[in-house]
Structure formats: structure tokens, C-alpha cells
mmCIF file of all heavy atoms, coordinates in Angstrom:
data_MODEL
# 
_entry.id   MODEL 
# 
loop_
_atom_site.group_PDB 
_atom_site.id 
_atom_site.type_symbol 
_atom_site.label_atom_id 
_atom_site.label_alt_id 
_atom_site.label_comp_id 
_atom_site.label_asym_id 
_atom_site.label_entity_id 
_atom_site.label_seq_id 
_atom_site.pdbx_PDB_ins_code 
_atom_site.Cartn_x 
_atom_site.Cartn_y 
_atom_site.Cartn_z 
_atom_site.occupancy 
_atom_site.B_iso_or_equiv 
_atom_site.pdbx_formal_charge 
_atom_site.auth_seq_id 
_atom_site.auth_comp_id 
_atom_site.auth_asym_id 
_atom_site.auth_atom_id 
_atom_site.pdbx_PDB_model_num 
ATOM 1   N N   . ALA A 1 1  ? 11.430 8.257  28.509 1.00 0.00 ? 1  ALA A N   1 
ATOM 2   C CA  . ALA A 1 1  ? 11.669 7.161  27.570 1.00 0.00 ? 1  ALA A CA  1 
ATOM 3   C C   . ALA A 1 1  ? 12.370 7.677  26.317 1.00 0.00 ? 1  ALA A C   1 
ATOM 4   O O   . ALA A 1 1  ? 13.259 7.009  25.774 1.00 0.00 ? 1  ALA A O   1 
ATOM 5   C CB  . ALA A 1 1  ? 10.353 6.478  27.212 1.00 0.00 ? 1  ALA A CB  1 
ATOM 6   N N   . ALA A 1 2  ? 12.003 8.867  25.860 1.00 0.00 ? 2  ALA A N   1 
ATOM 7   C CA  . ALA A 1 2  ? 12.662 9.467  24.690 1.00 0.00 ? 2  ALA A CA  1 
ATOM 8   C C   . ALA A 1 2  ? 14.145 9.673  24.950 1.00 0.00 ? 2  ALA A C   1 
ATOM 9   O O   . ALA A 1 2  ? 14.986 9.395  24.090 1.00 0.00 ? 2  ALA A O   1 
ATOM 10  C CB  . ALA A 1 2  ? 11.994 10.792 24.332 1.00 0.00 ? 2  ALA A CB  1 
ATOM 11  N N   . VAL A 1 3  ? 14.481 10.127 26.144 1.00 0.00 ? 3  VAL A N   1 
ATOM 12  C CA  . VAL A 1 3  ? 15.888 10.345 26.492 1.00 0.00 ? 3  VAL A CA  1 
ATOM 13  C C   . VAL A 1 3  ? 16.620 9.009  26.615 1.00 0.00 ? 3  VAL A C   1 
ATOM 14  O O   . VAL A 1 3  ? 17.759 8.880  26.172 1.00 0.00 ? 3  VAL A O   1 
ATOM 15  C CB  . VAL A 1 3  ? 16.013 11.195 27.773 1.00 0.00 ? 3  VAL A CB  1 
ATOM 16  C CG1 . VAL A 1 3  ? 17.448 11.242 28.269 1.00 0.00 ? 3  VAL A CG1 1 
ATOM 17  C CG2 . VAL A 1 3  ? 15.497 12.608 27.504 1.00 0.00 ? 3  VAL A CG2 1 
ATOM 18  N N   . ALA A 1 4  ? 15.973 8.003  27.183 1.00 0.00 ? 4  ALA A N   1 
ATOM 19  C CA  . ALA A 1 4  ? 16.602 6.684  27.267 1.00 0.00 ? 4  ALA A CA  1 
ATOM 20  C C   . ALA A 1 4  ? 16.868 6.133  25.870 1.00 0.00 ? 4  ALA A C   1 
ATOM 21  O O   . ALA A 1 4  ? 17.923 5.523  25.624 1.00 0.00 ? 4  ALA A O   1 
ATOM 22  C CB  . ALA A 1 4  ? 15.722 5.726  28.077 1.00 0.00 ? 4  ALA A CB  1 
ATOM 23  N N   . LEU A 1 5  ? 15.962 6.352  24.935 1.00 0.00 ? 5  LEU A N   1 
ATOM 24  C CA  . LEU A 1 5  ? 16.179 5.934  23.553 1.00 0.00 ? 5  LEU A CA  1 
ATOM 25  C C   . LEU A 1 5  ? 17.343 6.710  22.935 1.00 0.00 ? 5  LEU A C   1 
ATOM 26  O O   . LEU A 1 5  ? 18.182 6.146  22.225 1.00 0.00 ? 5  LEU A O   1 
ATOM 27  C CB  . LEU A 1 5  ? 14.905 6.116  22.734 1.00 0.00 ? 5  LEU A CB  1 
ATOM 28  C CG  . LEU A 1 5  ? 13.770 5.162  23.087 1.00 0.00 ? 5  LEU A CG  1 
ATOM 29  C CD1 . LEU A 1 5  ? 12.448 5.666  22.556 1.00 0.00 ? 5  LEU A CD1 1 
ATOM 30  C CD2 . LEU A 1 5  ? 14.068 3.750  22.574 1.00 0.00 ? 5  LEU A CD2 1 
ATOM 31  N N   . GLN A 1 6  ? 17.394 7.984  23.227 1.00 0.00 ? 6  GLN A N   1 
ATOM 32  C CA  . GLN A 1 6  ? 18.499 8.815  22.744 1.00 0.00 ? 6  GLN A CA  1 
ATOM 33  C C   . GLN A 1 6  ? 19.825 8.285  23.294 1.00 0.00 ? 6  GLN A C   1 
ATOM 34  O O   . GLN A 1 6  ? 20.823 8.238  22.574 1.00 0.00 ? 6  GLN A O   1 
ATOM 35  C CB  . GLN A 1 6  ? 18.256 10.257 23.177 1.00 0.00 ? 6  GLN A CB  1 
ATOM 36  C CG  . GLN A 1 6  ? 19.138 11.268 22.532 1.00 0.00 ? 6  GLN A CG  1 
ATOM 37  C CD  . GLN A 1 6  ? 18.667 12.687 22.834 1.00 0.00 ? 6  GLN A CD  1 
ATOM 38  O OE1 . GLN A 1 6  ? 17.512 12.932 23.168 1.00 0.00 ? 6  GLN A OE1 1 
ATOM 39  N NE2 . GLN A 1 6  ? 19.567 13.623 22.714 1.00 0.00 ? 6  GLN A NE2 1 
ATOM 40  N N   . ASN A 1 7  ? 19.826 7.874  24.551 1.00 0.00 ? 7  ASN A N   1 
ATOM 41  C CA  . ASN A 1 7  ? 21.031 7.312  25.169 1.00 0.00 ? 7  ASN A CA  1 
ATOM 42  C C   . ASN A 1 7  ? 21.488 6.047  24.440 1.00 0.00 ? 7  ASN A C   1 
ATOM 43  O O   . ASN A 1 7  ? 22.692 5.818  24.269 1.00 0.00 ? 7  ASN A O   1 
ATOM 44  C CB  . ASN A 1 7  ? 20.790 6.990  26.647 1.00 0.00 ? 7  ASN A CB  1 
ATOM 45  C CG  . ASN A 1 7  ? 20.613 8.235  27.487 1.00 0.00 ? 7  ASN A CG  1 
ATOM 46  O OD1 . ASN A 1 7  ? 20.973 9.328  27.081 1.00 0.00 ? 7  ASN A OD1 1 
ATOM 47  N ND2 . ASN A 1 7  ? 20.039 8.059  28.666 1.00 0.00 ? 7  ASN A ND2 1 
ATOM 48  N N   . TYR A 1 8  ? 20.543 5.223  24.015 1.00 0.00 ? 8  TYR A N   1 
ATOM 49  C CA  . TYR A 1 8  ? 20.868 3.999  23.271 1.00 0.00 ? 8  TYR A CA  1 
ATOM 50  C C   . TYR A 1 8  ? 21.679 4.349  22.016 1.00 0.00 ? 8  TYR A C   1 
ATOM 51  O O   . TYR A 1 8  ? 22.708 3.734  21.738 1.00 0.00 ? 8  TYR A O   1 
ATOM 52  C CB  . TYR A 1 8  ? 19.582 3.249  22.899 1.00 0.00 ? 8  TYR A CB  1 
ATOM 53  C CG  . TYR A 1 8  ? 19.809 2.121  21.936 1.00 0.00 ? 8  TYR A CG  1 
ATOM 54  C CD1 . TYR A 1 8  ? 20.233 0.869  22.382 1.00 0.00 ? 8  TYR A CD1 1 
ATOM 55  C CD2 . TYR A 1 8  ? 19.605 2.301  20.570 1.00 0.00 ? 8  TYR A CD2 1 
ATOM 56  C CE1 . TYR A 1 8  ? 20.455 -0.169 21.493 1.00 0.00 ? 8  TYR A CE1 1 
ATOM 57  C CE2 . TYR A 1 8  ? 19.821 1.265  19.672 1.00 0.00 ? 8  TYR A CE2 1 
ATOM 58  C CZ  . TYR A 1 8  ? 20.245 0.041  20.138 1.00 0.00 ? 8  TYR A CZ  1 
ATOM 59  O OH  . TYR A 1 8  ? 20.470 -0.989 19.253 1.00 0.00 ? 8  TYR A OH  1 
ATOM 60  N N   . PHE A 1 9  ? 21.209 5.326  21.274 1.00 0.00 ? 9  PHE A N   1 
ATOM 61  C CA  . PHE A 1 9  ? 21.898 5.706  20.043 1.00 0.00 ? 9  PHE A CA  1 
ATOM 62  C C   . PHE A 1 9  ? 23.236 6.382  20.331 1.00 0.00 ? 9  PHE A C   1 
ATOM 63  O O   . PHE A 1 9  ? 24.207 6.174  19.600 1.00 0.00 ? 9  PHE A O   1 
ATOM 64  C CB  . PHE A 1 9  ? 20.991 6.580  19.173 1.00 0.00 ? 9  PHE A CB  1 
ATOM 65  C CG  . PHE A 1 9  ? 19.932 5.781  18.482 1.00 0.00 ? 9  PHE A CG  1 
ATOM 66  C CD1 . PHE A 1 9  ? 18.687 5.597  19.073 1.00 0.00 ? 9  PHE A CD1 1 
ATOM 67  C CD2 . PHE A 1 9  ? 20.182 5.164  17.268 1.00 0.00 ? 9  PHE A CD2 1 
ATOM 68  C CE1 . PHE A 1 9  ? 17.722 4.836  18.457 1.00 0.00 ? 9  PHE A CE1 1 
ATOM 69  C CE2 . PHE A 1 9  ? 19.220 4.398  16.646 1.00 0.00 ? 9  PHE A CE2 1 
ATOM 70  C CZ  . PHE A 1 9  ? 17.985 4.224  17.244 1.00 0.00 ? 9  PHE A CZ  1 
ATOM 71  N N   . PHE A 1 10 ? 23.288 7.159  21.397 1.00 0.00 ? 10 PHE A N   1 
ATOM 72  C CA  . PHE A 1 10 ? 24.553 7.786  21.783 1.00 0.00 ? 10 PHE A CA  1 
ATOM 73  C C   . PHE A 1 10 ? 25.616 6.717  22.033 1.00 0.00 ? 10 PHE A C   1 
ATOM 74  O O   . PHE A 1 10 ? 26.764 6.857  21.613 1.00 0.00 ? 10 PHE A O   1 
ATOM 75  C CB  . PHE A 1 10 ? 24.353 8.666  23.026 1.00 0.00 ? 10 PHE A CB  1 
ATOM 76  C CG  . PHE A 1 10 ? 25.619 9.324  23.488 1.00 0.00 ? 10 PHE A CG  1 
ATOM 77  C CD1 . PHE A 1 10 ? 26.122 10.441 22.840 1.00 0.00 ? 10 PHE A CD1 1 
ATOM 78  C CD2 . PHE A 1 10 ? 26.323 8.820  24.583 1.00 0.00 ? 10 PHE A CD2 1 
ATOM 79  C CE1 . PHE A 1 10 ? 27.303 11.049 23.259 1.00 0.00 ? 10 PHE A CE1 1 
ATOM 80  C CE2 . PHE A 1 10 ? 27.499 9.412  25.008 1.00 0.00 ? 10 PHE A CE2 1 
ATOM 81  C CZ  . PHE A 1 10 ? 27.990 10.527 24.344 1.00 0.00 ? 10 PHE A CZ  1 
ATOM 82  N N   . GLU A 1 11 ? 25.221 5.653  22.728 1.00 0.00 ? 11 GLU A N   1 
ATOM 83  C CA  . GLU A 1 11 ? 26.145 4.549  23.007 1.00 0.00 ? 11 GLU A CA  1 
ATOM 84  C C   . GLU A 1 11 ? 26.626 3.870  21.721 1.00 0.00 ? 11 GLU A C   1 
ATOM 85  O O   . GLU A 1 11 ? 27.694 3.272  21.697 1.00 0.00 ? 11 GLU A O   1 
ATOM 86  C CB  . GLU A 1 11 ? 25.500 3.516  23.935 1.00 0.00 ? 11 GLU A CB  1 
ATOM 87  C CG  . GLU A 1 11 ? 25.279 4.013  25.346 1.00 0.00 ? 11 GLU A CG  1 
ATOM 88  C CD  . GLU A 1 11 ? 26.580 4.278  26.088 1.00 0.00 ? 11 GLU A CD  1 
ATOM 89  O OE1 . GLU A 1 11 ? 27.524 3.474  25.942 1.00 0.00 ? 11 GLU A OE1 1 
ATOM 90  O OE2 . GLU A 1 11 ? 26.648 5.288  26.800 1.00 0.00 ? 11 GLU A OE2 1 
ATOM 91  N N   . LYS A 1 12 ? 25.833 3.969  20.669 1.00 0.00 ? 12 LYS A N   1 
ATOM 92  C CA  . LYS A 1 12 ? 26.189 3.388  19.370 1.00 0.00 ? 12 LYS A CA  1 
ATOM 93  C C   . LYS A 1 12 ? 26.946 4.388  18.488 1.00 0.00 ? 12 LYS A C   1 
ATOM 94  O O   . LYS A 1 12 ? 27.229 4.098  17.330 1.00 0.00 ? 12 LYS A O   1 
ATOM 95  C CB  . LYS A 1 12 ? 24.928 2.923  18.622 1.00 0.00 ? 12 LYS A CB  1 
ATOM 96  C CG  . LYS A 1 12 ? 24.082 1.933  19.369 1.00 0.00 ? 12 LYS A CG  1 
ATOM 97  C CD  . LYS A 1 12 ? 24.680 0.562  19.330 1.00 0.00 ? 12 LYS A CD  1 
ATOM 98  C CE  . LYS A 1 12 ? 23.730 -0.447 19.963 1.00 0.00 ? 12 LYS A CE  1 
ATOM 99  N NZ  . LYS A 1 12 ? 24.383 -1.676 20.314 1.00 0.00 ? 12 LYS A NZ  1 
ATOM 100 N N   . GLY A 1 13 ? 27.223 5.584  19.038 1.00 0.00 ? 13 GLY A N   1 
ATOM 101 C CA  . GLY A 1 13 ? 27.930 6.602  18.268 1.00 0.00 ? 13 GLY A CA  1 
ATOM 102 C C   . GLY A 1 13 ? 27.043 7.364  17.296 1.00 0.00 ? 13 GLY A C   1 
ATOM 103 O O   . GLY A 1 13 ? 27.536 7.932  16.317 1.00 0.00 ? 13 GLY A O   1 
ATOM 104 N N   . MET A 1 14 ? 25.737 7.380  17.567 1.00 0.00 ? 14 MET A N   1 
ATOM 105 C CA  . MET A 1 14 ? 24.785 8.062  16.684 1.00 0.00 ? 14 MET A CA  1 
ATOM 106 C C   . MET A 1 14 ? 24.020 9.123  17.461 1.00 0.00 ? 14 MET A C   1 
ATOM 107 O O   . MET A 1 14 ? 23.833 9.014  18.666 1.00 0.00 ? 14 MET A O   1 
ATOM 108 C CB  . MET A 1 14 ? 23.796 7.051  16.095 1.00 0.00 ? 14 MET A CB  1 
ATOM 109 C CG  . MET A 1 14 ? 24.447 5.957  15.258 1.00 0.00 ? 14 MET A CG  1 
ATOM 110 S SD  . MET A 1 14 ? 23.293 4.631  14.833 1.00 0.00 ? 14 MET A SD  1 
ATOM 111 C CE  . MET A 1 14 ? 22.260 5.442  13.635 1.00 0.00 ? 14 MET A CE  1 
ATOM 112 N N   . ASP A 1 15 ? 23.566 10.133 16.746 1.00 0.00 ? 15 ASP A N   1 
ATOM 113 C CA  . ASP A 1 15 ? 22.733 11.184 17.321 1.00 0.00 ? 15 ASP A CA  1 
ATOM 114 C C   . ASP A 1 15 ? 21.297 10.936 16.852 1.00 0.00 ? 15 ASP A C   1 
ATOM 115 O O   . ASP A 1 15 ? 21.009 11.081 15.654 1.00 0.00 ? 15 ASP A O   1 
ATOM 116 C CB  . ASP A 1 15 ? 23.237 12.549 16.861 1.00 0.00 ? 15 ASP A CB  1 
ATOM 117 C CG  . ASP A 1 15 ? 22.443 13.708 17.414 1.00 0.00 ? 15 ASP A CG  1 
ATOM 118 O OD1 . ASP A 1 15 ? 21.280 13.522 17.833 1.00 0.00 ? 15 ASP A OD1 1 
ATOM 119 O OD2 . ASP A 1 15 ? 22.976 14.830 17.411 1.00 0.00 ? 15 ASP A OD2 1 
ATOM 120 N N   . LEU A 1 16 ? 20.419 10.549 17.770 1.00 0.00 ? 16 LEU A N   1 
ATOM 121 C CA  . LEU A 1 16 ? 19.048 10.212 17.392 1.00 0.00 ? 16 LEU A CA  1 
ATOM 122 C C   . LEU A 1 16 ? 18.337 11.398 16.756 1.00 0.00 ? 16 LEU A C   1 
ATOM 123 O O   . LEU A 1 16 ? 17.586 11.222 15.792 1.00 0.00 ? 16 LEU A O   1 
ATOM 124 C CB  . LEU A 1 16 ? 18.264 9.679  18.597 1.00 0.00 ? 16 LEU A CB  1 
ATOM 125 C CG  . LEU A 1 16 ? 16.819 9.244  18.328 1.00 0.00 ? 16 LEU A CG  1 
ATOM 126 C CD1 . LEU A 1 16 ? 16.726 8.239  17.178 1.00 0.00 ? 16 LEU A CD1 1 
ATOM 127 C CD2 . LEU A 1 16 ? 16.187 8.676  19.595 1.00 0.00 ? 16 LEU A CD2 1 
ATOM 128 N N   . VAL A 1 17 ? 18.560 12.595 17.233 1.00 0.00 ? 17 VAL A N   1 
ATOM 129 C CA  . VAL A 1 17 ? 17.892 13.760 16.641 1.00 0.00 ? 17 VAL A CA  1 
ATOM 130 C C   . VAL A 1 17 ? 18.352 13.957 15.193 1.00 0.00 ? 17 VAL A C   1 
ATOM 131 O O   . VAL A 1 17 ? 17.535 14.233 14.307 1.00 0.00 ? 17 VAL A O   1 
ATOM 132 C CB  . VAL A 1 17 ? 18.135 15.035 17.478 1.00 0.00 ? 17 VAL A CB  1 
ATOM 133 C CG1 . VAL A 1 17 ? 17.552 16.259 16.789 1.00 0.00 ? 17 VAL A CG1 1 
ATOM 134 C CG2 . VAL A 1 17 ? 17.536 14.876 18.873 1.00 0.00 ? 17 VAL A CG2 1 
ATOM 135 N N   . GLU A 1 18 ? 19.638 13.792 14.967 1.00 0.00 ? 18 GLU A N   1 
ATOM 136 C CA  . GLU A 1 18 ? 20.148 13.891 13.593 1.00 0.00 ? 18 GLU A CA  1 
ATOM 137 C C   . GLU A 1 18 ? 19.504 12.820 12.709 1.00 0.00 ? 18 GLU A C   1 
ATOM 138 O O   . GLU A 1 18 ? 19.104 13.098 11.568 1.00 0.00 ? 18 GLU A O   1 
ATOM 139 C CB  . GLU A 1 18 ? 21.673 13.712 13.609 1.00 0.00 ? 18 GLU A CB  1 
ATOM 140 C CG  . GLU A 1 18 ? 22.331 13.860 12.264 1.00 0.00 ? 18 GLU A CG  1 
ATOM 141 C CD  . GLU A 1 18 ? 23.839 13.711 12.376 1.00 0.00 ? 18 GLU A CD  1 
ATOM 142 O OE1 . GLU A 1 18 ? 24.457 14.398 13.220 1.00 0.00 ? 18 GLU A OE1 1 
ATOM 143 O OE2 . GLU A 1 18 ? 24.391 12.879 11.620 1.00 0.00 ? 18 GLU A OE2 1 
ATOM 144 N N   . GLU A 1 19 ? 19.366 11.626 13.249 1.00 0.00 ? 19 GLU A N   1 
ATOM 145 C CA  . GLU A 1 19 ? 18.725 10.539 12.503 1.00 0.00 ? 19 GLU A CA  1 
ATOM 146 C C   . GLU A 1 19 ? 17.247 10.846 12.253 1.00 0.00 ? 19 GLU A C   1 
ATOM 147 O O   . GLU A 1 19 ? 16.699 10.486 11.206 1.00 0.00 ? 19 GLU A O   1 
ATOM 148 C CB  . GLU A 1 19 ? 18.889 9.209  13.235 1.00 0.00 ? 19 GLU A CB  1 
ATOM 149 C CG  . GLU A 1 19 ? 20.325 8.735  13.356 1.00 0.00 ? 19 GLU A CG  1 
ATOM 150 C CD  . GLU A 1 19 ? 21.017 8.511  12.013 1.00 0.00 ? 19 GLU A CD  1 
ATOM 151 O OE1 . GLU A 1 19 ? 20.348 8.078  11.047 1.00 0.00 ? 19 GLU A OE1 1 
ATOM 152 O OE2 . GLU A 1 19 ? 22.234 8.775  11.929 1.00 0.00 ? 19 GLU A OE2 1 
ATOM 153 N N   . MET A 1 20 ? 16.596 11.496 13.201 1.00 0.00 ? 20 MET A N   1 
ATOM 154 C CA  . MET A 1 20 ? 15.192 11.874 13.027 1.00 0.00 ? 20 MET A CA  1 
ATOM 155 C C   . MET A 1 20 ? 15.045 12.862 11.873 1.00 0.00 ? 20 MET A C   1 
ATOM 156 O O   . MET A 1 20 ? 14.125 12.742 11.057 1.00 0.00 ? 20 MET A O   1 
ATOM 157 C CB  . MET A 1 20 ? 14.634 12.474 14.323 1.00 0.00 ? 20 MET A CB  1 
ATOM 158 C CG  . MET A 1 20 ? 14.436 11.452 15.423 1.00 0.00 ? 20 MET A CG  1 
ATOM 159 S SD  . MET A 1 20 ? 14.151 12.183 17.055 1.00 0.00 ? 20 MET A SD  1 
ATOM 160 C CE  . MET A 1 20 ? 12.677 13.161 16.769 1.00 0.00 ? 20 MET A CE  1 
ATOM 161 N N   . ASN A 1 21 ? 15.938 13.833 11.797 1.00 0.00 ? 21 ASN A N   1 
ATOM 162 C CA  . ASN A 1 21 ? 15.878 14.795 10.698 1.00 0.00 ? 21 ASN A CA  1 
ATOM 163 C C   . ASN A 1 21 ? 16.160 14.126 9.359  1.00 0.00 ? 21 ASN A C   1 
ATOM 164 O O   . ASN A 1 21 ? 15.514 14.446 8.348  1.00 0.00 ? 21 ASN A O   1 
ATOM 165 C CB  . ASN A 1 21 ? 16.834 15.962 10.958 1.00 0.00 ? 21 ASN A CB  1 
ATOM 166 C CG  . ASN A 1 21 ? 16.242 16.937 11.943 1.00 0.00 ? 21 ASN A CG  1 
ATOM 167 O OD1 . ASN A 1 21 ? 15.173 17.489 11.720 1.00 0.00 ? 21 ASN A OD1 1 
ATOM 168 N ND2 . ASN A 1 21 ? 16.921 17.135 13.056 1.00 0.00 ? 21 ASN A ND2 1 
ATOM 169 N N   . LYS A 1 22 ? 17.089 13.195 9.332  1.00 0.00 ? 22 LYS A N   1 
ATOM 170 C CA  . LYS A 1 22 ? 17.337 12.431 8.103  1.00 0.00 ? 22 LYS A CA  1 
ATOM 171 C C   . LYS A 1 22 ? 16.091 11.647 7.711  1.00 0.00 ? 22 LYS A C   1 
ATOM 172 O O   . LYS A 1 22 ? 15.706 11.600 6.537  1.00 0.00 ? 22 LYS A O   1 
ATOM 173 C CB  . LYS A 1 22 ? 18.502 11.447 8.297  1.00 0.00 ? 22 LYS A CB  1 
ATOM 174 C CG  . LYS A 1 22 ? 19.858 12.074 8.368  1.00 0.00 ? 22 LYS A CG  1 
ATOM 175 C CD  . LYS A 1 22 ? 20.910 10.968 8.570  1.00 0.00 ? 22 LYS A CD  1 
ATOM 176 C CE  . LYS A 1 22 ? 22.270 11.509 8.878  1.00 0.00 ? 22 LYS A CE  1 
ATOM 177 N NZ  . LYS A 1 22 ? 23.244 10.419 9.171  1.00 0.00 ? 22 LYS A NZ  1 
ATOM 178 N N   . ARG A 1 23 ? 15.473 11.021 8.704  1.00 0.00 ? 23 ARG A N   1 
ATOM 179 C CA  . ARG A 1 23 ? 14.280 10.218 8.446  1.00 0.00 ? 23 ARG A CA  1 
ATOM 180 C C   . ARG A 1 23 ? 13.151 11.083 7.903  1.00 0.00 ? 23 ARG A C   1 
ATOM 181 O O   . ARG A 1 23 ? 12.451 10.701 6.959  1.00 0.00 ? 23 ARG A O   1 
ATOM 182 C CB  . ARG A 1 23 ? 13.852 9.502  9.731  1.00 0.00 ? 23 ARG A CB  1 
ATOM 183 C CG  . ARG A 1 23 ? 12.723 8.531  9.540  1.00 0.00 ? 23 ARG A CG  1 
ATOM 184 C CD  . ARG A 1 23 ? 13.186 7.287  8.837  1.00 0.00 ? 23 ARG A CD  1 
ATOM 185 N NE  . ARG A 1 23 ? 12.023 6.441  8.565  1.00 0.00 ? 23 ARG A NE  1 
ATOM 186 C CZ  . ARG A 1 23 ? 11.974 5.577  7.599  1.00 0.00 ? 23 ARG A CZ  1 
ATOM 187 N NH1 . ARG A 1 23 ? 13.008 5.382  6.813  1.00 0.00 ? 23 ARG A NH1 1 
ATOM 188 N NH2 . ARG A 1 23 ? 10.890 4.865  7.399  1.00 0.00 ? 23 ARG A NH2 1 
ATOM 189 N N   . ALA A 1 24 ? 12.959 12.244 8.499  1.00 0.00 ? 24 ALA A N   1 
ATOM 190 C CA  . ALA A 1 24 ? 11.913 13.157 8.025  1.00 0.00 ? 24 ALA A CA  1 
ATOM 191 C C   . ALA A 1 24 ? 12.152 13.529 6.563  1.00 0.00 ? 24 ALA A C   1 
ATOM 192 O O   . ALA A 1 24 ? 11.208 13.567 5.758  1.00 0.00 ? 24 ALA A O   1 
ATOM 193 C CB  . ALA A 1 24 ? 11.869 14.406 8.910  1.00 0.00 ? 24 ALA A CB  1 
# 
């Protein structure tokens, strides 16, 4: 599920891990 969520953001041109670090 984590990878599927990551795929969602990839399709939007975003890196979920990068966003996670920003959020932290």
C-alpha cells in the first residue's frame, strides 16, 4: 500500500519520500 501511494504521487510529478522529509 505504501508503494501504491508512492505511485500516486509519482503520477502527479511528486516524490512522496521527499514530501515526507519536508513534512517532518
